[in-house]
Amino acid sequence: MSCYLLSVYHPDGVHEREFGAYETAADMEAAFARVAEFNASLSNAGLLEFAAGLGAPITAVTVDPDGALSSGPGFAAEKYLGGFWVIRVADDGTATRIAAEAAAACGQAVEVRGLAGEDDEEIAVNGSEGLWERV
């Protein structure tokens, strides 16, 4: 089993709109309900490692290697990461099929990428230090 990142990107400025990526409150609420159902199905199947939506890019803080802090995203872009899932599945085909379900649920395009070095090994966070290690 391997882990995959399923990413949802939003156009710049979408967070400034009343209903975000959606045209109406009803569209947004319907998408949220579909995503909640989708998340539950992944969790019940034991495939969901983690999922989250992100705050607006303007809320980001960028930390440079020298420790300098900058307000906002680290670079200007046409689209920004708006949310993601990390899933653990058997193969690329399964990950792509699940990404299609995610796209249908949230009403947005979903990008699929395998986690680097993630071939049939579990990864865990090492205590409070937050270091990744193979277990």
Protein backbone atom coordinates (compact mmCIF):
# COMPACT_ATOMS: atom_id res chain seq x y z
CA MET A 1 0.00 0.00 0.00
CA SER A 2 1.23 3.47 -0.87
CA CYS A 3 0.20 6.97 0.16
CA TYR A 4 -1.05 9.56 -2.30
CA LEU A 5 -1.76 13.26 -1.93
CA LEU A 6 -5.02 14.39 -3.55
CA SER A 7 -4.86 18.18 -3.91
CA VAL A 8 -7.57 20.73 -4.67
CA TYR A 9 -6.39 24.09 -6.04
CA HIS A 10 -8.45 27.29 -6.11
CA PRO A 11 -7.98 30.35 -8.30
CA ASP A 12 -6.33 33.34 -6.64
CA GLY A 13 -8.97 35.48 -4.92
CA VAL A 14 -11.57 32.74 -4.49
CA HIS A 15 -11.41 33.10 -0.70
CA GLU A 16 -12.58 36.70 -1.05
CA ARG A 17 -15.86 35.58 -2.62
CA GLU A 18 -18.87 35.12 -0.39
CA PHE A 19 -19.19 31.39 -1.13
CA GLY A 20 -15.55 30.66 -1.94
CA ALA A 21 -15.21 28.32 -4.92
CA TYR A 22 -19.00 28.01 -5.26
CA GLU A 23 -21.59 30.23 -6.90
CA THR A 24 -24.25 30.05 -4.18
CA ALA A 25 -24.64 29.09 -0.54
CA ALA A 26 -26.67 26.06 -1.65
CA ASP A 27 -23.88 24.93 -3.99
CA MET A 28 -21.33 25.29 -1.20
CA GLU A 29 -23.47 23.44 1.35
CA ALA A 30 -24.17 20.63 -1.13
CA ALA A 31 -20.46 20.25 -1.89
CA PHE A 32 -19.60 20.21 1.82
CA ALA A 33 -22.21 17.47 2.39
CA ARG A 34 -20.85 15.40 -0.52
CA VAL A 35 -17.28 15.80 0.78
CA ALA A 36 -18.32 14.78 4.30
CA GLU A 37 -19.96 11.65 2.86
CA PHE A 38 -16.90 10.97 0.68
CA ASN A 39 -14.57 11.39 3.69
CA ALA A 40 -16.71 9.01 5.76
CA SER A 41 -16.61 6.37 3.02
CA LEU A 42 -12.80 6.64 2.78
CA SER A 43 -12.45 6.44 6.56
CA ASN A 44 -14.83 3.48 6.84
CA ALA A 45 -12.81 1.66 4.16
CA GLY A 46 -9.56 2.35 6.06
CA LEU A 47 -8.12 4.40 3.17
CA LEU A 48 -8.07 7.91 4.65
CA GLU A 49 -4.88 8.99 6.41
CA PHE A 50 -5.73 12.69 6.71
CA ALA A 51 -7.85 15.38 5.07
CA ALA A 52 -8.12 19.14 5.54
CA GLY A 53 -9.16 22.38 3.94
CA LEU A 54 -6.77 25.31 4.15
CA GLY A 55 -7.28 28.93 5.08
CA ALA A 56 -6.91 31.71 2.54
CA PRO A 57 -3.39 32.20 1.11
CA ILE A 58 -3.24 35.65 2.72
CA THR A 59 -3.19 33.93 6.14
CA ALA A 60 0.04 32.09 5.32
CA VAL A 61 3.39 32.88 6.88
CA THR A 62 6.46 31.96 4.85
CA VAL A 63 9.63 31.02 6.73
CA ASP A 64 12.93 31.33 4.83
CA PRO A 65 15.92 29.04 5.51
CA ASP A 66 17.55 31.85 7.51
CA GLY A 67 14.46 32.11 9.73
CA ALA A 68 13.11 35.32 8.19
CA LEU A 69 9.31 35.51 8.20
CA SER A 70 7.10 36.95 5.47
CA SER A 71 3.35 37.45 5.55
CA GLY A 72 1.37 35.68 2.86
CA PRO A 73 2.21 32.86 0.48
CA GLY A 74 5.80 32.19 -0.53
CA PHE A 75 5.13 33.05 -4.17
CA ALA A 76 2.47 34.62 -6.35
CA ALA A 77 0.38 32.12 -8.29
CA GLU A 78 -2.77 31.86 -10.36
CA LYS A 79 -3.98 29.00 -8.13
CA TYR A 80 -3.32 28.04 -4.52
CA LEU A 81 -3.75 24.82 -2.59
CA GLY A 82 -7.19 24.93 -1.00
CA GLY A 83 -7.46 21.48 0.53
CA PHE A 84 -6.15 17.95 0.36
CA TRP A 85 -6.52 14.31 1.28
CA VAL A 86 -3.78 11.80 2.06
CA ILE A 87 -4.94 8.30 1.20
CA ARG A 88 -3.29 4.88 1.46
CA VAL A 89 -4.24 2.56 -1.41
CA ALA A 90 -2.82 -0.35 -3.40
CA ASP A 91 -1.85 1.38 -6.65
CA ASP A 92 -1.94 4.41 -8.96
CA GLY A 93 -5.16 3.26 -10.61
CA THR A 94 -7.01 3.10 -7.31
CA ALA A 95 -5.65 6.52 -6.30
CA THR A 96 -6.83 8.01 -9.60
CA ARG A 97 -10.27 6.43 -9.25
CA ILE A 98 -10.61 7.86 -5.74
CA ALA A 99 -9.42 11.26 -6.98
CA ALA A 100 -12.26 11.18 -9.54
CA GLU A 101 -14.69 10.56 -6.68
CA ALA A 102 -13.11 13.44 -4.73
CA ALA A 103 -13.47 15.77 -7.71
CA ALA A 104 -17.12 14.83 -8.09
CA ALA A 105 -17.69 15.37 -4.36
CA CYS A 106 -16.06 18.80 -4.09
CA GLY A 107 -16.89 20.01 -7.60
CA GLN A 108 -13.25 20.97 -8.25
CA ALA A 109 -10.34 19.44 -10.15
CA VAL A 110 -8.18 17.14 -8.01
CA GLU A 111 -4.47 16.45 -8.61
CA VAL A 112 -3.01 13.05 -7.63
CA ARG A 113 0.62 12.53 -6.56
CA GLY A 114 2.32 9.66 -4.82
CA LEU A 115 4.34 10.54 -1.73
CA ALA A 116 8.05 10.39 -2.50
CA GLY A 117 9.75 7.24 -1.29
CA GLU A 118 6.39 5.83 -0.30
CA ASP A 119 6.53 2.25 -1.50
CA ASP A 120 4.74 -0.18 0.77
CA GLU A 121 6.22 1.21 3.97
CA GLU A 122 4.43 3.07 6.72
CA ILE A 123 5.58 6.56 7.66
CA ALA A 124 5.05 8.02 11.10
CA VAL A 125 5.93 11.20 12.91
CA ASN A 126 8.68 10.67 15.48
CA GLY A 127 7.34 12.09 18.73
CA SER A 128 7.22 15.80 19.45
CA GLU A 129 10.22 16.54 17.22
CA GLY A 130 8.00 16.11 14.17
CA LEU A 131 10.61 14.13 12.22
CA TRP A 132 9.39 11.65 9.62
CA GLU A 133 10.66 8.12 9.91
CA ARG A 134 9.85 4.73 8.44
CA VAL A 135 8.23 2.28 10.85
